[in-house]
Amino acid sequence: MGSVETPEILLYTNHSCPWAHRAHIALAELNLPFKEEIIDLSVPRTTEYLAVNPRGLVPSISYNGTIITESAIVAQFLSDAHPSHLQKTSSEEGGALQRAKINFFVDAFISKVNSQTYGILRASEEEKGPLAEKLVDAVVKEVEPLLQDAKPFFGGSERLTLAEVQTGSFILRLLAYPKGGLAPKSLLTNLETKAPAFWKWANAVVKEKSVNYIWDEQRIVEKTKFRLANTAAAK
């Protein structure tokens, strides 16, 4: 598995899934050709797909016939197999430190910030405001200090790094939900005023073609509203 020959890649995905979206960003940034198979997440997984990934999740990739699963691992593997601007190799000067910083940043965003997003979506209108403030506070505390040197991307990079590959699909949604009425508008204004480095970085991220080329904001917002309504009706 090297970067010399072009590998045969089959991506099992769903364009509405932010986790699967990570693989799309990585593949686009690495300019790797691939075929895709769309997995319908609204119905039980087929026996064929469970043979590929017994967990039934997306993404999965077949890389020269070897199956790799879990979104963060897929993106990390592709970046490691095809050294590029996304991150240095661990043996390059400063590489191990850069990789550690990227991993810490991604963990901070996913565990401290993104983990709060679904709570806002499910909350009552009265609860949404305080929960949005809590999310902004988490950005200010956990993420804003890590983006002080973004130019415009992580670590002073002028091009996307693995940090953006692993977070870009979630940033798209974070910025879209208030515009679609799923989260308070104050979420955006507070992020802009209280976390200016994050705000500048996030808006640069979502403008990148590799991040937004499969993104359909209106469709995702409508699907999210439909899913939330079904969940509420089932209670």
C-alpha atoms as a PDB file:
ATOM      1  CA  MET A   1       0.000   0.000   0.000  1.00  0.00           C
ATOM      2  CA  GLY A   2       2.059   2.929  -1.188  1.00  0.00           C
ATOM      3  CA  SER A   3       1.603   6.288  -2.810  1.00  0.00           C
ATOM      4  CA  VAL A   4       3.563   5.448  -6.002  1.00  0.00           C
ATOM      5  CA  GLU A   5       0.820   3.621  -7.866  1.00  0.00           C
ATOM      6  CA  THR A   6      -2.761   4.819  -7.940  1.00  0.00           C
ATOM      7  CA  PRO A   7      -4.738   2.520  -5.646  1.00  0.00           C
ATOM      8  CA  GLU A   8      -8.138   1.057  -6.416  1.00  0.00           C
ATOM      9  CA  ILE A   9     -10.521   2.671  -3.948  1.00  0.00           C
ATOM     10  CA  LEU A  10     -14.195   1.896  -3.418  1.00  0.00           C
ATOM     11  CA  LEU A  11     -15.856   4.220  -0.908  1.00  0.00           C
ATOM     12  CA  TYR A  12     -19.006   3.036   0.840  1.00  0.00           C
ATOM     13  CA  THR A  13     -20.720   6.260   1.833  1.00  0.00           C
ATOM     14  CA  ASN A  14     -23.815   8.368   2.296  1.00  0.00           C
ATOM     15  CA  HIS A  15     -23.609  12.046   1.331  1.00  0.00           C
ATOM     16  CA  SER A  16     -25.831  13.079   4.240  1.00  0.00           C
ATOM     17  CA  CYS A  17     -23.539  11.573   6.873  1.00  0.00           C
ATOM     18  CA  PRO A  18     -20.933  13.974   8.324  1.00  0.00           C
ATOM     19  CA  TRP A  19     -18.697  11.082   9.354  1.00  0.00           C
ATOM     20  CA  ALA A  20     -18.621   9.633   5.834  1.00  0.00           C
ATOM     21  CA  HIS A  21     -18.073  13.169   4.534  1.00  0.00           C
ATOM     22  CA  ARG A  22     -14.603  13.089   6.139  1.00  0.00           C
ATOM     23  CA  ALA A  23     -13.480  10.476   3.613  1.00  0.00           C
ATOM     24  CA  HIS A  24     -14.731  12.603   0.710  1.00  0.00           C
ATOM     25  CA  ILE A  25     -12.688  15.596   1.899  1.00  0.00           C
ATOM     26  CA  ALA A  26      -9.553  13.470   2.304  1.00  0.00           C
ATOM     27  CA  LEU A  27      -9.914  11.866  -1.119  1.00  0.00           C
ATOM     28  CA  ALA A  28     -10.523  15.239  -2.789  1.00  0.00           C
ATOM     29  CA  GLU A  29      -7.539  16.885  -1.091  1.00  0.00           C
ATOM     30  CA  LEU A  30      -5.298  13.961  -2.051  1.00  0.00           C
ATOM     31  CA  ASN A  31      -6.691  13.980  -5.590  1.00  0.00           C
ATOM     32  CA  LEU A  32      -7.304  10.241  -5.437  1.00  0.00           C
ATOM     33  CA  PRO A  33      -9.770   8.716  -7.900  1.00  0.00           C
ATOM     34  CA  PHE A  34     -12.386   6.438  -6.376  1.00  0.00           C
ATOM     35  CA  LYS A  35     -15.666   4.718  -7.008  1.00  0.00           C
ATOM     36  CA  GLU A  36     -18.485   5.031  -4.530  1.00  0.00           C
ATOM     37  CA  GLU A  37     -21.376   2.927  -3.366  1.00  0.00           C
ATOM     38  CA  ILE A  38     -24.168   4.780  -1.588  1.00  0.00           C
ATOM     39  CA  ILE A  39     -25.435   3.043   1.552  1.00  0.00           C
ATOM     40  CA  ASP A  40     -29.050   3.799   2.471  1.00  0.00           C
ATOM     41  CA  LEU A  41     -28.949   4.648   6.183  1.00  0.00           C
ATOM     42  CA  SER A  42     -32.744   4.858   6.503  1.00  0.00           C
ATOM     43  CA  VAL A  43     -33.215   1.093   6.238  1.00  0.00           C
ATOM     44  CA  PRO A  44     -31.500  -1.933   7.798  1.00  0.00           C
ATOM     45  CA  ARG A  45     -28.146  -2.647   6.210  1.00  0.00           C
ATOM     46  CA  THR A  46     -27.960  -5.331   3.574  1.00  0.00           C
ATOM     47  CA  THR A  47     -26.232  -8.629   4.209  1.00  0.00           C
ATOM     48  CA  GLU A  48     -23.721  -7.615   1.548  1.00  0.00           C
ATOM     49  CA  TYR A  49     -22.746  -4.426   3.349  1.00  0.00           C
ATOM     50  CA  LEU A  50     -22.599  -6.087   6.760  1.00  0.00           C
ATOM     51  CA  ALA A  51     -20.055  -8.447   5.222  1.00  0.00           C
ATOM     52  CA  VAL A  52     -17.968  -5.353   4.397  1.00  0.00           C
ATOM     53  CA  ASN A  53     -18.499  -3.636   7.752  1.00  0.00           C
ATOM     54  CA  PRO A  54     -20.269  -5.675  10.444  1.00  0.00           C
ATOM     55  CA  ARG A  55     -21.004  -2.461  12.353  1.00  0.00           C
ATOM     56  CA  GLY A  56     -23.062  -1.246   9.411  1.00  0.00           C
ATOM     57  CA  LEU A  57     -21.603   2.252   9.603  1.00  0.00           C
ATOM     58  CA  VAL A  58     -20.212   4.546   6.919  1.00  0.00           C
ATOM     59  CA  PRO A  59     -17.684   5.265   5.682  1.00  0.00           C
ATOM     60  CA  SER A  60     -15.830   2.122   4.779  1.00  0.00           C
ATOM     61  CA  ILE A  61     -13.248   1.915   2.030  1.00  0.00           C
ATOM     62  CA  SER A  62     -11.878  -0.948   0.023  1.00  0.00           C
ATOM     63  CA  TYR A  63      -8.256   0.026  -0.655  1.00  0.00           C
ATOM     64  CA  ASN A  64      -6.705  -2.377  -3.136  1.00  0.00           C
ATOM     65  CA  GLY A  65      -9.079  -4.986  -1.727  1.00  0.00           C
ATOM     66  CA  THR A  66      -8.399  -4.321   1.964  1.00  0.00           C
ATOM     67  CA  ILE A  67     -11.330  -2.984   3.999  1.00  0.00           C
ATOM     68  CA  ILE A  68     -10.740  -0.042   6.331  1.00  0.00           C
ATOM     69  CA  THR A  69     -13.525   1.356   8.509  1.00  0.00           C
ATOM     70  CA  GLU A  70     -14.251   4.211  10.950  1.00  0.00           C
ATOM     71  CA  SER A  71     -14.119   7.737   9.562  1.00  0.00           C
ATOM     72  CA  ALA A  72     -11.165   9.139  11.517  1.00  0.00           C
ATOM     73  CA  ILE A  73      -9.113   6.026  10.779  1.00  0.00           C
ATOM     74  CA  VAL A  74     -10.017   6.108   7.083  1.00  0.00           C
ATOM     75  CA  ALA A  75      -8.942   9.746   6.768  1.00  0.00           C
ATOM     76  CA  GLN A  76      -5.777   9.159   8.786  1.00  0.00           C
ATOM     77  CA  PHE A  77      -4.886   6.099   6.717  1.00  0.00           C
ATOM     78  CA  LEU A  78      -5.351   7.903   3.408  1.00  0.00           C
ATOM     79  CA  SER A  79      -3.204  10.770   4.648  1.00  0.00           C
ATOM     80  CA  ASP A  80      -0.489   8.376   5.836  1.00  0.00           C
ATOM     81  CA  ALA A  81      -0.565   6.276   2.653  1.00  0.00           C
ATOM     82  CA  HIS A  82      -0.285   9.360   0.454  1.00  0.00           C
ATOM     83  CA  PRO A  83       2.033  11.930   2.090  1.00  0.00           C
ATOM     84  CA  SER A  84       0.918  15.451   1.213  1.00  0.00           C
ATOM     85  CA  HIS A  85       0.170  18.924   2.506  1.00  0.00           C
ATOM     86  CA  LEU A  86      -2.412  17.474   4.900  1.00  0.00           C
ATOM     87  CA  GLN A  87       0.238  16.581   7.464  1.00  0.00           C
ATOM     88  CA  LYS A  88       3.920  15.800   7.754  1.00  0.00           C
ATOM     89  CA  THR A  89       5.068  12.234   8.184  1.00  0.00           C
ATOM     90  CA  SER A  90       6.153  11.361  11.706  1.00  0.00           C
ATOM     91  CA  SER A  91       9.776  11.054  10.561  1.00  0.00           C
ATOM     92  CA  GLU A  92       9.917  14.559   9.051  1.00  0.00           C
ATOM     93  CA  GLU A  93      11.300  17.376  11.146  1.00  0.00           C
ATOM     94  CA  GLY A  94       8.454  18.635  13.339  1.00  0.00           C
ATOM     95  CA  GLY A  95       6.173  15.948  11.981  1.00  0.00           C
ATOM     96  CA  ALA A  96       5.440  14.080  15.198  1.00  0.00           C
ATOM     97  CA  LEU A  97       4.614  17.353  16.987  1.00  0.00           C
ATOM     98  CA  GLN A  98       2.395  18.600  14.170  1.00  0.00           C
ATOM     99  CA  ARG A  99       0.494  15.312  14.133  1.00  0.00           C
ATOM    100  CA  ALA A 100       0.017  15.455  17.894  1.00  0.00           C
ATOM    101  CA  LYS A 101      -1.308  19.019  17.658  1.00  0.00           C
ATOM    102  CA  ILE A 102      -3.730  18.070  14.885  1.00  0.00           C
ATOM    103  CA  ASN A 103      -4.987  15.069  16.867  1.00  0.00           C
ATOM    104  CA  PHE A 104      -5.475  17.200  19.966  1.00  0.00           C
ATOM    105  CA  PHE A 105      -7.356  19.854  18.011  1.00  0.00           C
ATOM    106  CA  VAL A 106      -9.675  17.317  16.393  1.00  0.00           C
ATOM    107  CA  ASP A 107     -10.339  15.623  19.728  1.00  0.00           C
ATOM    108  CA  ALA A 108     -11.071  18.970  21.387  1.00  0.00           C
ATOM    109  CA  PHE A 109     -13.542  19.979  18.700  1.00  0.00           C
ATOM    110  CA  ILE A 110     -15.336  16.635  18.396  1.00  0.00           C
ATOM    111  CA  SER A 111     -15.538  15.819  22.116  1.00  0.00           C
ATOM    112  CA  LYS A 112     -16.050  19.285  23.620  1.00  0.00           C
ATOM    113  CA  VAL A 113     -17.947  21.191  20.914  1.00  0.00           C
ATOM    114  CA  ASN A 114     -19.511  18.924  18.305  1.00  0.00           C
ATOM    115  CA  SER A 115     -20.836  16.585  20.993  1.00  0.00           C
ATOM    116  CA  GLN A 116     -23.148  19.413  22.110  1.00  0.00           C
ATOM    117  CA  THR A 117     -24.685  20.081  18.706  1.00  0.00           C
ATOM    118  CA  TYR A 118     -27.279  17.300  18.709  1.00  0.00           C
ATOM    119  CA  GLY A 119     -28.458  18.365  22.163  1.00  0.00           C
ATOM    120  CA  ILE A 120     -29.326  21.767  20.732  1.00  0.00           C
ATOM    121  CA  LEU A 121     -31.200  20.202  17.827  1.00  0.00           C
ATOM    122  CA  ARG A 122     -33.331  18.043  20.134  1.00  0.00           C
ATOM    123  CA  ALA A 123     -33.976  20.726  22.761  1.00  0.00           C
ATOM    124  CA  SER A 124     -37.164  22.742  23.217  1.00  0.00           C
ATOM    125  CA  GLU A 125     -37.143  26.331  21.973  1.00  0.00           C
ATOM    126  CA  GLU A 126     -36.646  27.572  25.555  1.00  0.00           C
ATOM    127  CA  GLU A 127     -33.647  25.303  26.051  1.00  0.00           C
ATOM    128  CA  LYS A 128     -31.903  26.038  22.747  1.00  0.00           C
ATOM    129  CA  GLY A 129     -30.586  29.482  23.768  1.00  0.00           C
ATOM    130  CA  PRO A 130     -28.749  28.409  26.929  1.00  0.00           C
ATOM    131  CA  LEU A 131     -27.388  25.295  25.195  1.00  0.00           C
ATOM    132  CA  ALA A 132     -26.085  27.402  22.306  1.00  0.00           C
ATOM    133  CA  GLU A 133     -24.333  29.683  24.802  1.00  0.00           C
ATOM    134  CA  LYS A 134     -22.752  26.632  26.408  1.00  0.00           C
ATOM    135  CA  LEU A 135     -21.456  25.477  23.019  1.00  0.00           C
ATOM    136  CA  VAL A 136     -19.963  28.912  22.312  1.00  0.00           C
ATOM    137  CA  ASP A 137     -18.281  28.844  25.731  1.00  0.00           C
ATOM    138  CA  ALA A 138     -16.735  25.488  24.810  1.00  0.00           C
ATOM    139  CA  VAL A 139     -15.398  26.906  21.536  1.00  0.00           C
ATOM    140  CA  VAL A 140     -13.903  29.879  23.392  1.00  0.00           C
ATOM    141  CA  LYS A 141     -12.247  27.665  26.009  1.00  0.00           C
ATOM    142  CA  GLU A 142     -11.225  24.586  24.030  1.00  0.00           C
ATOM    143  CA  VAL A 143     -10.796  25.547  20.369  1.00  0.00           C
ATOM    144  CA  GLU A 144     -10.193  29.286  20.017  1.00  0.00           C
ATOM    145  CA  PRO A 145      -6.716  29.154  21.662  1.00  0.00           C
ATOM    146  CA  LEU A 146      -5.645  26.466  19.167  1.00  0.00           C
ATOM    147  CA  LEU A 147      -6.447  28.638  16.137  1.00  0.00           C
ATOM    148  CA  GLN A 148      -4.521  31.795  16.978  1.00  0.00           C
ATOM    149  CA  ASP A 149      -1.930  31.055  14.281  1.00  0.00           C
ATOM    150  CA  ALA A 150      -4.361  29.854  11.577  1.00  0.00           C
ATOM    151  CA  LYS A 151      -3.467  31.393   8.168  1.00  0.00           C
ATOM    152  CA  PRO A 152      -6.225  30.658   7.354  1.00  0.00           C
ATOM    153  CA  PHE A 153      -5.975  26.960   8.238  1.00  0.00           C
ATOM    154  CA  PHE A 154      -4.658  25.043  11.207  1.00  0.00           C
ATOM    155  CA  GLY A 155      -1.095  25.617  12.343  1.00  0.00           C
ATOM    156  CA  GLY A 156      -0.460  28.523   9.986  1.00  0.00           C
ATOM    157  CA  SER A 157      -1.135  26.472   6.860  1.00  0.00           C
ATOM    158  CA  GLU A 158      -2.326  28.103   3.639  1.00  0.00           C
ATOM    159  CA  ARG A 159      -3.902  24.796   2.558  1.00  0.00           C
ATOM    160  CA  LEU A 160      -6.217  22.382   4.318  1.00  0.00           C
ATOM    161  CA  THR A 161      -4.638  20.053   6.864  1.00  0.00           C
ATOM    162  CA  LEU A 162      -5.902  16.827   8.384  1.00  0.00           C
ATOM    163  CA  ALA A 163      -7.433  19.025  11.104  1.00  0.00           C
ATOM    164  CA  GLU A 164      -9.887  20.440   8.554  1.00  0.00           C
ATOM    165  CA  VAL A 165     -10.434  17.048   6.904  1.00  0.00           C
ATOM    166  CA  GLN A 166     -11.618  15.643  10.229  1.00  0.00           C
ATOM    167  CA  THR A 167     -13.800  18.625  11.227  1.00  0.00           C
ATOM    168  CA  GLY A 168     -14.985  20.312   8.015  1.00  0.00           C
ATOM    169  CA  SER A 169     -18.243  18.393   7.602  1.00  0.00           C
ATOM    170  CA  PHE A 170     -19.267  19.263  11.145  1.00  0.00           C
ATOM    171  CA  ILE A 171     -18.368  22.926  10.655  1.00  0.00           C
ATOM    172  CA  LEU A 172     -20.678  23.016   7.625  1.00  0.00           C
ATOM    173  CA  ARG A 173     -23.535  21.829   9.822  1.00  0.00           C
ATOM    174  CA  LEU A 174     -22.697  24.050  12.777  1.00  0.00           C
ATOM    175  CA  LEU A 175     -22.935  27.132  10.553  1.00  0.00           C
ATOM    176  CA  ALA A 176     -26.006  25.878   8.668  1.00  0.00           C
ATOM    177  CA  TYR A 177     -28.283  24.887  11.548  1.00  0.00           C
ATOM    178  CA  PRO A 178     -28.957  28.443  12.797  1.00  0.00           C
ATOM    179  CA  LYS A 179     -29.705  29.637   9.247  1.00  0.00           C
ATOM    180  CA  GLY A 180     -32.138  26.745   8.854  1.00  0.00           C
ATOM    181  CA  GLY A 181     -33.977  27.473  12.093  1.00  0.00           C
ATOM    182  CA  LEU A 182     -32.605  24.426  13.920  1.00  0.00           C
ATOM    183  CA  ALA A 183     -30.455  26.446  16.317  1.00  0.00           C
ATOM    184  CA  PRO A 184     -30.595  30.037  17.591  1.00  0.00           C
ATOM    185  CA  LYS A 185     -29.251  32.773  15.295  1.00  0.00           C
ATOM    186  CA  SER A 186     -27.326  33.991  18.349  1.00  0.00           C
ATOM    187  CA  LEU A 187     -25.038  30.994  17.950  1.00  0.00           C
ATOM    188  CA  LEU A 188     -23.495  32.579  14.877  1.00  0.00           C
ATOM    189  CA  THR A 189     -23.296  36.135  16.209  1.00  0.00           C
ATOM    190  CA  ASN A 190     -21.750  34.944  19.478  1.00  0.00           C
ATOM    191  CA  LEU A 191     -19.183  32.805  17.686  1.00  0.00           C
ATOM    192  CA  GLU A 192     -18.212  35.778  15.530  1.00  0.00           C
ATOM    193  CA  THR A 193     -17.777  38.142  18.476  1.00  0.00           C
ATOM    194  CA  LYS A 194     -16.460  35.797  21.176  1.00  0.00           C
ATOM    195  CA  ALA A 195     -14.332  33.424  19.059  1.00  0.00           C
ATOM    196  CA  PRO A 196     -12.998  35.530  16.153  1.00  0.00           C
ATOM    197  CA  ALA A 197     -10.136  33.163  15.290  1.00  0.00           C
ATOM    198  CA  PHE A 198     -12.541  30.203  15.155  1.00  0.00           C
ATOM    199  CA  TRP A 199     -15.042  32.230  13.138  1.00  0.00           C
ATOM    200  CA  LYS A 200     -12.466  33.266  10.536  1.00  0.00           C
ATOM    201  CA  TRP A 201     -11.108  29.718  10.319  1.00  0.00           C
ATOM    202  CA  ALA A 202     -14.560  28.077  10.083  1.00  0.00           C
ATOM    203  CA  ASN A 203     -15.685  30.371   7.284  1.00  0.00           C
ATOM    204  CA  ALA A 204     -12.482  29.682   5.362  1.00  0.00           C
ATOM    205  CA  VAL A 205     -12.985  25.932   5.786  1.00  0.00           C
ATOM    206  CA  VAL A 206     -16.533  25.822   4.405  1.00  0.00           C
ATOM    207  CA  LYS A 207     -15.518  27.779   1.288  1.00  0.00           C
ATOM    208  CA  GLU A 208     -13.084  25.043   0.189  1.00  0.00           C
ATOM    209  CA  LYS A 209     -14.352  22.956  -2.725  1.00  0.00           C
ATOM    210  CA  SER A 210     -13.063  19.697  -1.226  1.00  0.00           C
ATOM    211  CA  VAL A 211     -15.165  20.399   1.866  1.00  0.00           C
ATOM    212  CA  ASN A 212     -18.390  21.527   0.213  1.00  0.00           C
ATOM    213  CA  TYR A 213     -18.570  19.641  -3.109  1.00  0.00           C
ATOM    214  CA  ILE A 214     -21.058  17.036  -1.854  1.00  0.00           C
ATOM    215  CA  TRP A 215     -22.779  19.471   0.542  1.00  0.00           C
ATOM    216  CA  ASP A 216     -26.461  20.293  -0.026  1.00  0.00           C
ATOM    217  CA  GLU A 217     -27.370  22.621   2.821  1.00  0.00           C
ATOM    218  CA  GLN A 218     -31.096  22.831   2.188  1.00  0.00           C
ATOM    219  CA  ARG A 219     -31.424  19.064   1.826  1.00  0.00           C
ATOM    220  CA  ILE A 220     -29.473  18.384   5.022  1.00  0.00           C
ATOM    221  CA  VAL A 221     -31.499  20.922   7.003  1.00  0.00           C
ATOM    222  CA  GLU A 222     -34.788  19.467   5.743  1.00  0.00           C
ATOM    223  CA  LYS A 223     -33.666  15.883   6.425  1.00  0.00           C
ATOM    224  CA  THR A 224     -32.606  16.873   9.937  1.00  0.00           C
ATOM    225  CA  LYS A 225     -35.970  18.508  10.614  1.00  0.00           C
ATOM    226  CA  PHE A 226     -37.752  15.404   9.319  1.00  0.00           C
ATOM    227  CA  ARG A 227     -35.644  13.086  11.469  1.00  0.00           C
ATOM    228  CA  LEU A 228     -36.181  15.210  14.592  1.00  0.00           C
ATOM    229  CA  ALA A 229     -39.943  15.318  13.961  1.00  0.00           C
ATOM    230  CA  ASN A 230     -40.040  11.523  13.625  1.00  0.00           C
ATOM    231  CA  THR A 231     -38.055  11.114  16.818  1.00  0.00           C
ATOM    232  CA  ALA A 232     -40.408  13.427  18.696  1.00  0.00           C
ATOM    233  CA  ALA A 233     -43.491  11.630  17.327  1.00  0.00           C
ATOM    234  CA  ALA A 234     -42.105   8.276  18.454  1.00  0.00           C
ATOM    235  CA  LYS A 235     -41.841   9.352  22.103  1.00  0.00           C
END
